[in-house]
PDB file of N, CA and C in Angstrom:
ATOM      1  N   UNK A   1       0.873  -1.135   0.266  1.00  0.00           N
ATOM      2  CA  UNK A   1       0.012   0.119  -0.283  1.00  0.00           C
ATOM      3  C   UNK A   1       0.819   1.292   0.373  1.00  0.00           C
ATOM      4  N   UNK A   2       0.492   2.351  -1.343  1.00  0.00           N
ATOM      5  CA  UNK A   2       1.356   3.564  -0.828  1.00  0.00           C
ATOM      6  C   UNK A   2       0.171   4.950  -0.423  1.00  0.00           C
ATOM      7  N   UNK A   3       0.130   5.340   0.248  1.00  0.00           N
ATOM      8  CA  UNK A   3      -1.161   6.371   1.460  1.00  0.00           C
ATOM      9  C   UNK A   3      -1.827   5.432   1.212  1.00  0.00           C
ATOM     10  N   UNK A   4      -2.886   6.061   0.612  1.00  0.00           N
ATOM     11  CA  UNK A   4      -3.943   5.687  -0.126  1.00  0.00           C
ATOM     12  C   UNK A   4      -4.232   3.960  -1.026  1.00  0.00           C
ATOM     13  N   UNK A   5      -3.518   4.873  -1.080  1.00  0.00           N
ATOM     14  CA  UNK A   5      -3.599   3.899  -3.106  1.00  0.00           C
ATOM     15  C   UNK A   5      -3.094   2.036  -2.771  1.00  0.00           C
ATOM     16  N   UNK A   6      -3.332   0.996  -3.247  1.00  0.00           N
ATOM     17  CA  UNK A   6      -2.876  -0.122  -2.950  1.00  0.00           C
ATOM     18  C   UNK A   6      -2.165  -0.724  -4.687  1.00  0.00           C
ATOM     19  N   UNK A   7      -1.059  -1.666  -3.802  1.00  0.00           N
ATOM     20  CA  UNK A   7      -0.362  -1.934  -5.662  1.00  0.00           C
ATOM     21  C   UNK A   7      -0.918  -3.746  -5.023  1.00  0.00           C
ATOM     22  N   UNK A   8      -1.652  -3.729  -6.472  1.00  0.00           N
ATOM     23  CA  UNK A   8      -2.083  -4.992  -6.996  1.00  0.00           C
ATOM     24  C   UNK A   8      -0.868  -5.121  -8.653  1.00  0.00           C
ATOM     25  N   UNK A   9      -0.395  -6.666  -8.515  1.00  0.00           N
ATOM     26  CA  UNK A   9      -0.472  -7.647  -9.597  1.00  0.00           C
ATOM     27  C   UNK A   9      -1.172  -8.032 -10.492  1.00  0.00           C
ATOM     28  N   UNK A  10      -0.827  -7.432 -11.696  1.00  0.00           N
ATOM     29  CA  UNK A  10      -2.182  -7.774 -12.806  1.00  0.00           C
ATOM     30  C   UNK A  10      -1.078  -9.167 -13.466  1.00  0.00           C
ATOM     31  N   UNK A  11      -2.128 -10.571 -13.618  1.00  0.00           N
ATOM     32  CA  UNK A  11      -1.096 -11.287 -14.705  1.00  0.00           C
ATOM     33  C   UNK A  11      -1.625 -11.245 -16.352  1.00  0.00           C
ATOM     34  N   UNK A  12      -0.301 -11.618 -16.828  1.00  0.00           N
ATOM     35  CA  UNK A  12      -1.230 -12.456 -18.385  1.00  0.00           C
ATOM     36  C   UNK A  12      -1.672 -13.601 -18.576  1.00  0.00           C
ATOM     37  N   UNK A  13      -2.719 -13.315 -19.517  1.00  0.00           N
ATOM     38  CA  UNK A  13      -3.254 -14.790 -19.164  1.00  0.00           C
ATOM     39  C   UNK A  13      -3.279 -15.523 -21.612  1.00  0.00           C
ATOM     40  N   UNK A  14      -2.593 -13.900 -22.070  1.00  0.00           N
ATOM     41  CA  UNK A  14      -2.160 -14.695 -23.005  1.00  0.00           C
ATOM     42  C   UNK A  14      -0.821 -13.743 -23.241  1.00  0.00           C
ATOM     43  N   UNK A  15       0.076 -14.143 -24.716  1.00  0.00           N
ATOM     44  CA  UNK A  15       1.255 -14.187 -24.624  1.00  0.00           C
ATOM     45  C   UNK A  15       1.772 -12.443 -25.354  1.00  0.00           C
ATOM     46  N   UNK A  16       0.484 -11.323 -25.566  1.00  0.00           N
ATOM     47  CA  UNK A  16       0.522 -10.338 -25.881  1.00  0.00           C
ATOM     48  C   UNK A  16       0.081  -9.824 -25.086  1.00  0.00           C
ATOM     49  N   UNK A  17      -0.501  -9.771 -24.443  1.00  0.00           N
ATOM     50  CA  UNK A  17      -0.638  -8.628 -23.031  1.00  0.00           C
ATOM     51  C   UNK A  17      -0.103  -9.136 -21.429  1.00  0.00           C
ATOM     52  N   UNK A  18       0.602  -8.138 -20.917  1.00  0.00           N
ATOM     53  CA  UNK A  18       1.908  -8.557 -20.220  1.00  0.00           C
ATOM     54  C   UNK A  18       1.907  -8.599 -19.360  1.00  0.00           C
ATOM     55  N   UNK A  19       2.310  -8.452 -17.621  1.00  0.00           N
ATOM     56  CA  UNK A  19       2.069  -8.467 -16.754  1.00  0.00           C
ATOM     57  C   UNK A  19       2.142  -7.602 -15.835  1.00  0.00           C
ATOM     58  N   UNK A  20       1.317  -6.866 -15.258  1.00  0.00           N
ATOM     59  CA  UNK A  20       1.934  -5.304 -14.513  1.00  0.00           C
ATOM     60  C   UNK A  20       1.878  -5.307 -12.880  1.00  0.00           C
ATOM     61  N   UNK A  21       2.062  -4.461 -12.178  1.00  0.00           N
ATOM     62  CA  UNK A  21       1.596  -4.392 -10.600  1.00  0.00           C
ATOM     63  C   UNK A  21       1.408  -2.293 -11.518  1.00  0.00           C
ATOM     64  N   UNK A  22       0.316  -2.999 -10.458  1.00  0.00           N
ATOM     65  CA  UNK A  22      -0.418  -1.221 -10.770  1.00  0.00           C
ATOM     66  C   UNK A  22      -0.419  -0.467  -9.121  1.00  0.00           C
ATOM     67  N   UNK A  23      -0.974   0.403  -9.207  1.00  0.00           N
ATOM     68  CA  UNK A  23      -0.748   1.738  -7.920  1.00  0.00           C
ATOM     69  C   UNK A  23      -2.778   2.017  -8.795  1.00  0.00           C
ATOM     70  N   UNK A  24      -3.262   1.368  -7.303  1.00  0.00           N
ATOM     71  CA  UNK A  24      -4.598   1.600  -7.876  1.00  0.00           C
ATOM     72  C   UNK A  24      -4.899   2.566  -6.260  1.00  0.00           C
ATOM     73  N   UNK A  25      -6.560   3.168  -7.285  1.00  0.00           N
ATOM     74  CA  UNK A  25      -6.604   4.494  -6.205  1.00  0.00           C
ATOM     75  C   UNK A  25      -8.237   3.312  -6.021  1.00  0.00           C
ATOM     76  N   UNK A  26      -8.790   3.117  -4.784  1.00  0.00           N
ATOM     77  CA  UNK A  26      -9.705   2.317  -4.537  1.00  0.00           C
ATOM     78  C   UNK A  26     -10.816   3.628  -4.471  1.00  0.00           C
ATOM     79  N   UNK A  27     -10.633   4.515  -4.744  1.00  0.00           N
ATOM     80  CA  UNK A  27     -11.674   6.086  -4.572  1.00  0.00           C
ATOM     81  C   UNK A  27     -12.434   5.913  -5.376  1.00  0.00           C
ATOM     82  N   UNK A  28     -11.245   5.820  -6.686  1.00  0.00           N
ATOM     83  CA  UNK A  28     -11.604   7.230  -7.971  1.00  0.00           C
ATOM     84  C   UNK A  28     -11.363   5.482  -8.699  1.00  0.00           C
ATOM     85  N   UNK A  29     -11.187   4.555  -8.579  1.00  0.00           N
ATOM     86  CA  UNK A  29     -10.471   3.494  -9.566  1.00  0.00           C
ATOM     87  C   UNK A  29      -9.299   3.260 -10.211  1.00  0.00           C
ATOM     88  N   UNK A  30      -8.674   4.319 -10.316  1.00  0.00           N
ATOM     89  CA  UNK A  30      -7.618   5.321 -10.694  1.00  0.00           C
ATOM     90  C   UNK A  30      -6.480   3.534 -10.978  1.00  0.00           C
ATOM     91  N   UNK A  31      -6.245   2.764 -11.912  1.00  0.00           N
ATOM     92  CA  UNK A  31      -4.870   2.917 -12.285  1.00  0.00           C
ATOM     93  C   UNK A  31      -3.478   3.160 -12.920  1.00  0.00           C
ATOM     94  N   UNK A  32      -2.923   2.977 -12.536  1.00  0.00           N
ATOM     95  CA  UNK A  32      -0.865   3.694 -12.714  1.00  0.00           C
ATOM     96  C   UNK A  32       0.084   2.660 -13.089  1.00  0.00           C
ATOM     97  N   UNK A  33       0.653   2.023 -14.249  1.00  0.00           N
ATOM     98  CA  UNK A  33       1.503   1.519 -14.354  1.00  0.00           C
ATOM     99  C   UNK A  33       2.111   1.293 -13.880  1.00  0.00           C
ATOM    100  N   UNK A  34       2.935   0.770 -13.332  1.00  0.00           N
ATOM    101  CA  UNK A  34       4.295   0.760 -12.326  1.00  0.00           C
ATOM    102  C   UNK A  34       5.392  -0.307 -12.191  1.00  0.00           C
ATOM    103  N   UNK A  35       5.194  -1.505 -13.508  1.00  0.00           N
ATOM    104  CA  UNK A  35       6.275  -2.292 -13.617  1.00  0.00           C
ATOM    105  C   UNK A  35       5.582  -2.638 -14.735  1.00  0.00           C
ATOM    106  N   UNK A  36       6.342  -3.202 -16.091  1.00  0.00           N
ATOM    107  CA  UNK A  36       5.172  -4.128 -16.496  1.00  0.00           C
ATOM    108  C   UNK A  36       6.787  -5.148 -17.105  1.00  0.00           C
ATOM    109  N   UNK A  37       5.976  -6.302 -17.621  1.00  0.00           N
ATOM    110  CA  UNK A  37       7.283  -7.178 -17.583  1.00  0.00           C
ATOM    111  C   UNK A  37       6.196  -8.903 -17.916  1.00  0.00           C
ATOM    112  N   UNK A  38       6.807  -9.227 -18.485  1.00  0.00           N
ATOM    113  CA  UNK A  38       6.270 -10.747 -19.252  1.00  0.00           C
ATOM    114  C   UNK A  38       6.975 -12.167 -18.558  1.00  0.00           C
ATOM    115  N   UNK A  39       5.908 -12.384 -17.896  1.00  0.00           N
ATOM    116  CA  UNK A  39       6.120 -13.725 -17.831  1.00  0.00           C
ATOM    117  C   UNK A  39       5.369 -14.612 -18.569  1.00  0.00           C
ATOM    118  N   UNK A  40       5.828 -15.846 -18.803  1.00  0.00           N
ATOM    119  CA  UNK A  40       5.691 -16.428 -20.701  1.00  0.00           C
ATOM    120  C   UNK A  40       6.154 -18.236 -20.395  1.00  0.00           C
ATOM    121  N   UNK A  41       6.740 -18.538 -19.609  1.00  0.00           N
ATOM    122  CA  UNK A  41       6.708 -19.749 -19.531  1.00  0.00           C
ATOM    123  C   UNK A  41       6.539 -20.233 -18.185  1.00  0.00           C
ATOM    124  N   UNK A  42       6.149 -21.367 -18.895  1.00  0.00           N
ATOM    125  CA  UNK A  42       5.726 -22.215 -17.745  1.00  0.00           C
ATOM    126  C   UNK A  42       5.686 -22.089 -15.861  1.00  0.00           C
ATOM    127  N   UNK A  43       7.453 -22.488 -16.202  1.00  0.00           N
ATOM    128  CA  UNK A  43       8.081 -22.354 -14.748  1.00  0.00           C
ATOM    129  C   UNK A  43       7.999 -20.171 -14.047  1.00  0.00           C
ATOM    130  N   UNK A  44       7.581 -20.024 -15.228  1.00  0.00           N
ATOM    131  CA  UNK A  44       8.647 -18.254 -15.279  1.00  0.00           C
ATOM    132  C   UNK A  44       6.302 -18.098 -14.031  1.00  0.00           C
ATOM    133  N   UNK A  45       5.276 -18.375 -15.488  1.00  0.00           N
ATOM    134  CA  UNK A  45       3.972 -18.206 -14.792  1.00  0.00           C
ATOM    135  C   UNK A  45       4.037 -18.567 -13.437  1.00  0.00           C
ATOM    136  N   UNK A  46       4.067 -20.616 -13.082  1.00  0.00           N
ATOM    137  CA  UNK A  46       4.052 -20.077 -11.379  1.00  0.00           C
ATOM    138  C   UNK A  46       4.251 -19.577 -10.272  1.00  0.00           C
ATOM    139  N   UNK A  47       5.197 -18.356 -10.976  1.00  0.00           N
ATOM    140  CA  UNK A  47       6.118 -17.176 -10.539  1.00  0.00           C
ATOM    141  C   UNK A  47       5.211 -16.779  -9.930  1.00  0.00           C
ATOM    142  N   UNK A  48       4.472 -15.437 -10.676  1.00  0.00           N
ATOM    143  CA  UNK A  48       2.572 -14.545 -10.495  1.00  0.00           C
ATOM    144  C   UNK A  48       1.795 -15.577 -10.079  1.00  0.00           C
ATOM    145  N   UNK A  49       1.604 -17.094  -9.237  1.00  0.00           N
ATOM    146  CA  UNK A  49       0.934 -17.113  -8.713  1.00  0.00           C
ATOM    147  C   UNK A  49       1.005 -16.996  -7.078  1.00  0.00           C
ATOM    148  N   UNK A  50       0.016 -16.335  -6.940  1.00  0.00           N
ATOM    149  CA  UNK A  50       0.244 -16.402  -5.335  1.00  0.00           C
ATOM    150  C   UNK A  50       0.093 -17.199  -3.827  1.00  0.00           C
ATOM    151  N   UNK A  51      -1.301 -17.885  -4.662  1.00  0.00           N
ATOM    152  CA  UNK A  51      -0.699 -19.572  -3.782  1.00  0.00           C
ATOM    153  C   UNK A  51      -0.648 -20.213  -4.578  1.00  0.00           C
ATOM    154  N   UNK A  52       1.203 -19.489  -4.790  1.00  0.00           N
ATOM    155  CA  UNK A  52       2.171 -21.206  -4.777  1.00  0.00           C
ATOM    156  C   UNK A  52       3.889 -20.247  -4.681  1.00  0.00           C
ATOM    157  N   UNK A  53       3.396 -19.005  -4.863  1.00  0.00           N
ATOM    158  CA  UNK A  53       4.942 -17.662  -4.601  1.00  0.00           C
ATOM    159  C   UNK A  53       4.783 -16.790  -3.951  1.00  0.00           C
ATOM    160  N   UNK A  54       5.960 -15.993  -3.300  1.00  0.00           N
ATOM    161  CA  UNK A  54       5.476 -14.687  -2.346  1.00  0.00           C
ATOM    162  C   UNK A  54       6.175 -13.439  -3.702  1.00  0.00           C
ATOM    163  N   UNK A  55       5.478 -12.822  -3.352  1.00  0.00           N
ATOM    164  CA  UNK A  55       5.981 -11.515  -4.523  1.00  0.00           C
ATOM    165  C   UNK A  55       5.833 -11.060  -3.569  1.00  0.00           C
ATOM    166  N   UNK A  56       6.631  -9.564  -3.616  1.00  0.00           N
ATOM    167  CA  UNK A  56       7.562  -8.384  -3.181  1.00  0.00           C
ATOM    168  C   UNK A  56       7.486  -7.380  -4.068  1.00  0.00           C
ATOM    169  N   UNK A  57       6.611  -6.714  -4.149  1.00  0.00           N
ATOM    170  CA  UNK A  57       7.295  -5.342  -4.641  1.00  0.00           C
ATOM    171  C   UNK A  57       8.507  -5.076  -3.763  1.00  0.00           C
ATOM    172  N   UNK A  58       9.699  -4.113  -3.935  1.00  0.00           N
ATOM    173  CA  UNK A  58      10.897  -3.193  -2.459  1.00  0.00           C
ATOM    174  C   UNK A  58      11.403  -2.439  -3.951  1.00  0.00           C
ATOM    175  N   UNK A  59      11.856  -1.449  -3.710  1.00  0.00           N
ATOM    176  CA  UNK A  59      12.535  -0.351  -4.659  1.00  0.00           C
ATOM    177  C   UNK A  59      12.140  -0.635  -5.799  1.00  0.00           C
ATOM    178  N   UNK A  60      11.260  -0.157  -6.491  1.00  0.00           N
ATOM    179  CA  UNK A  60      11.317   0.002  -7.701  1.00  0.00           C
ATOM    180  C   UNK A  60      11.295  -1.553  -8.760  1.00  0.00           C
ATOM    181  N   UNK A  61      11.198  -2.858  -7.521  1.00  0.00           N
ATOM    182  CA  UNK A  61      11.144  -3.948  -8.561  1.00  0.00           C
ATOM    183  C   UNK A  61      10.129  -5.197  -7.402  1.00  0.00           C
ATOM    184  N   UNK A  62       9.850  -6.306  -8.285  1.00  0.00           N
ATOM    185  CA  UNK A  62       8.936  -7.310  -7.825  1.00  0.00           C
ATOM    186  C   UNK A  62       9.791  -8.163  -8.160  1.00  0.00           C
ATOM    187  N   UNK A  63       9.502  -8.746  -7.020  1.00  0.00           N
ATOM    188  CA  UNK A  63      10.593 -10.075  -6.703  1.00  0.00           C
ATOM    189  C   UNK A  63       9.380 -11.048  -6.954  1.00  0.00           C
ATOM    190  N   UNK A  64       9.753 -12.737  -6.929  1.00  0.00           N
ATOM    191  CA  UNK A  64       8.631 -13.627  -7.014  1.00  0.00           C
ATOM    192  C   UNK A  64       9.337 -15.008  -6.489  1.00  0.00           C
ATOM    193  N   UNK A  65       9.157 -15.941  -5.252  1.00  0.00           N
ATOM    194  CA  UNK A  65      10.523 -16.833  -4.978  1.00  0.00           C
ATOM    195  C   UNK A  65       9.097 -17.616  -4.385  1.00  0.00           C
ATOM    196  N   UNK A  66       9.356 -18.633  -5.246  1.00  0.00           N
ATOM    197  CA  UNK A  66       8.334 -19.971  -5.140  1.00  0.00           C
ATOM    198  C   UNK A  66       8.615 -20.488  -3.840  1.00  0.00           C
ATOM    199  N   UNK A  67       6.663 -21.039  -3.388  1.00  0.00           N
ATOM    200  CA  UNK A  67       7.260 -21.648  -1.727  1.00  0.00           C
ATOM    201  C   UNK A  67       7.786 -23.214  -2.031  1.00  0.00           C
ATOM    202  N   UNK A  68       7.394 -23.932  -2.898  1.00  0.00           N
ATOM    203  CA  UNK A  68       8.174 -25.369  -2.849  1.00  0.00           C
ATOM    204  C   UNK A  68       9.126 -25.886  -4.165  1.00  0.00           C
ATOM    205  N   UNK A  69      10.187 -26.499  -3.806  1.00  0.00           N
ATOM    206  CA  UNK A  69      11.164 -26.507  -5.179  1.00  0.00           C
ATOM    207  C   UNK A  69      11.147 -27.974  -5.379  1.00  0.00           C
ATOM    208  N   UNK A  70      10.345 -27.975  -6.240  1.00  0.00           N
ATOM    209  CA  UNK A  70      10.345 -29.579  -7.073  1.00  0.00           C
ATOM    210  C   UNK A  70      11.870 -29.751  -8.316  1.00  0.00           C
ATOM    211  N   UNK A  71      11.751 -30.815  -8.567  1.00  0.00           N
ATOM    212  CA  UNK A  71      12.961 -31.136  -9.666  1.00  0.00           C
ATOM    213  C   UNK A  71      11.863 -31.486 -10.332  1.00  0.00           C
ATOM    214  N   UNK A  72      12.464 -31.733 -11.673  1.00  0.00           N
ATOM    215  CA  UNK A  72      11.256 -31.789 -12.366  1.00  0.00           C
ATOM    216  C   UNK A  72      12.061 -33.654 -12.546  1.00  0.00           C
ATOM    217  N   UNK A  73      10.003 -34.041 -13.080  1.00  0.00           N
ATOM    218  CA  UNK A  73      11.111 -35.610 -13.265  1.00  0.00           C
ATOM    219  C   UNK A  73      11.199 -35.965 -14.217  1.00  0.00           C
ATOM    220  N   UNK A  74      11.468 -35.483 -15.489  1.00  0.00           N
ATOM    221  CA  UNK A  74      12.013 -35.845 -16.948  1.00  0.00           C
ATOM    222  C   UNK A  74      13.241 -35.633 -16.698  1.00  0.00           C
ATOM    223  N   UNK A  75      13.729 -34.415 -16.199  1.00  0.00           N
ATOM    224  CA  UNK A  75      15.067 -34.271 -16.681  1.00  0.00           C
ATOM    225  C   UNK A  75      14.789 -33.569 -14.393  1.00  0.00           C
ATOM    226  N   UNK A  76      15.874 -34.485 -13.893  1.00  0.00           N
ATOM    227  CA  UNK A  76      15.571 -34.242 -12.720  1.00  0.00           C
ATOM    228  C   UNK A  76      17.388 -33.597 -11.527  1.00  0.00           C
ATOM    229  N   UNK A  77      17.687 -33.325 -12.762  1.00  0.00           N
ATOM    230  CA  UNK A  77      19.443 -33.005 -12.655  1.00  0.00           C
ATOM    231  C   UNK A  77      19.389 -31.303 -13.179  1.00  0.00           C
ATOM    232  N   UNK A  78      18.577 -30.775 -14.168  1.00  0.00           N
ATOM    233  CA  UNK A  78      18.354 -29.189 -14.331  1.00  0.00           C
ATOM    234  C   UNK A  78      18.114 -28.551 -12.465  1.00  0.00           C
ATOM    235  N   UNK A  79      18.384 -27.488 -13.604  1.00  0.00           N
ATOM    236  CA  UNK A  79      18.703 -26.041 -12.582  1.00  0.00           C
ATOM    237  C   UNK A  79      16.800 -26.151 -12.642  1.00  0.00           C
ATOM    238  N   UNK A  80      15.660 -25.414 -11.324  1.00  0.00           N
ATOM    239  CA  UNK A  80      14.984 -25.993 -10.410  1.00  0.00           C
ATOM    240  C   UNK A  80      14.283 -23.610 -10.593  1.00  0.00           C
ATOM    241  N   UNK A  81      13.989 -22.716 -11.064  1.00  0.00           N
ATOM    242  CA  UNK A  81      13.536 -21.817 -10.970  1.00  0.00           C
ATOM    243  C   UNK A  81      13.331 -21.443  -9.891  1.00  0.00           C
ATOM    244  N   UNK A  82      14.070 -20.969  -9.267  1.00  0.00           N
ATOM    245  CA  UNK A  82      12.958 -20.261  -7.790  1.00  0.00           C
ATOM    246  C   UNK A  82      13.409 -18.713  -7.326  1.00  0.00           C
ATOM    247  N   UNK A  83      13.949 -17.843  -7.773  1.00  0.00           N
ATOM    248  CA  UNK A  83      13.880 -16.759  -7.088  1.00  0.00           C
ATOM    249  C   UNK A  83      13.546 -16.310  -8.903  1.00  0.00           C
ATOM    250  N   UNK A  84      12.687 -14.997  -8.734  1.00  0.00           N
ATOM    251  CA  UNK A  84      12.552 -13.969 -10.073  1.00  0.00           C
ATOM    252  C   UNK A  84      12.657 -12.516 -10.110  1.00  0.00           C
ATOM    253  N   UNK A  85      13.505 -11.673  -9.970  1.00  0.00           N
ATOM    254  CA  UNK A  85      13.541 -10.089  -9.968  1.00  0.00           C
ATOM    255  C   UNK A  85      13.765  -9.873 -10.460  1.00  0.00           C
ATOM    256  N   UNK A  86      12.749  -8.090 -11.243  1.00  0.00           N
ATOM    257  CA  UNK A  86      12.521  -7.939 -12.811  1.00  0.00           C
ATOM    258  C   UNK A  86      12.333  -6.231 -11.920  1.00  0.00           C
ATOM    259  N   UNK A  87      12.716  -5.593 -12.531  1.00  0.00           N
ATOM    260  CA  UNK A  87      13.484  -4.242 -12.359  1.00  0.00           C
ATOM    261  C   UNK A  87      13.010  -3.377 -13.336  1.00  0.00           C
ATOM    262  N   UNK A  88      13.482  -2.351 -13.230  1.00  0.00           N
ATOM    263  CA  UNK A  88      13.095  -1.027 -14.685  1.00  0.00           C
ATOM    264  C   UNK A  88      14.464  -0.377 -14.674  1.00  0.00           C
ATOM    265  N   UNK A  89      15.357   0.262 -16.118  1.00  0.00           N
ATOM    266  CA  UNK A  89      16.404   0.591 -16.010  1.00  0.00           C
ATOM    267  C   UNK A  89      16.346   2.473 -14.959  1.00  0.00           C
ATOM    268  N   UNK A  90      18.022   1.932 -14.608  1.00  0.00           N
ATOM    269  CA  UNK A  90      18.149   2.961 -13.625  1.00  0.00           C
ATOM    270  C   UNK A  90      18.933   4.078 -14.733  1.00  0.00           C
ATOM    271  N   UNK A  91      18.009   5.039 -15.010  1.00  0.00           N
ATOM    272  CA  UNK A  91      18.761   6.710 -15.677  1.00  0.00           C
ATOM    273  C   UNK A  91      19.101   7.310 -15.558  1.00  0.00           C
ATOM    274  N   UNK A  92      19.988   8.268 -15.005  1.00  0.00           N
ATOM    275  CA  UNK A  92      20.354   8.648 -15.187  1.00  0.00           C
ATOM    276  C   UNK A  92      20.932  10.101 -15.026  1.00  0.00           C
TER     277      UNK A  92
END
């Protein structure tokens, strides 16, 4: 929450629309984009599911961390995606 506005995660259900963190004013219904990004692959899409991941918005970025890690049955030695951080580029 920022003042009287809420931070809202809007995940995309298609490959066209981007996911976003929005600032939402519940009094006016106004939405202001805070950060736009893509979570397209299956593993990354799971990170955007608040029932399976912890999601933190902090210092200009959004961070996703899975609550439970499990190896892929078909490829048990492959790396497991556990944390993903997305932020905006700093300009000077």
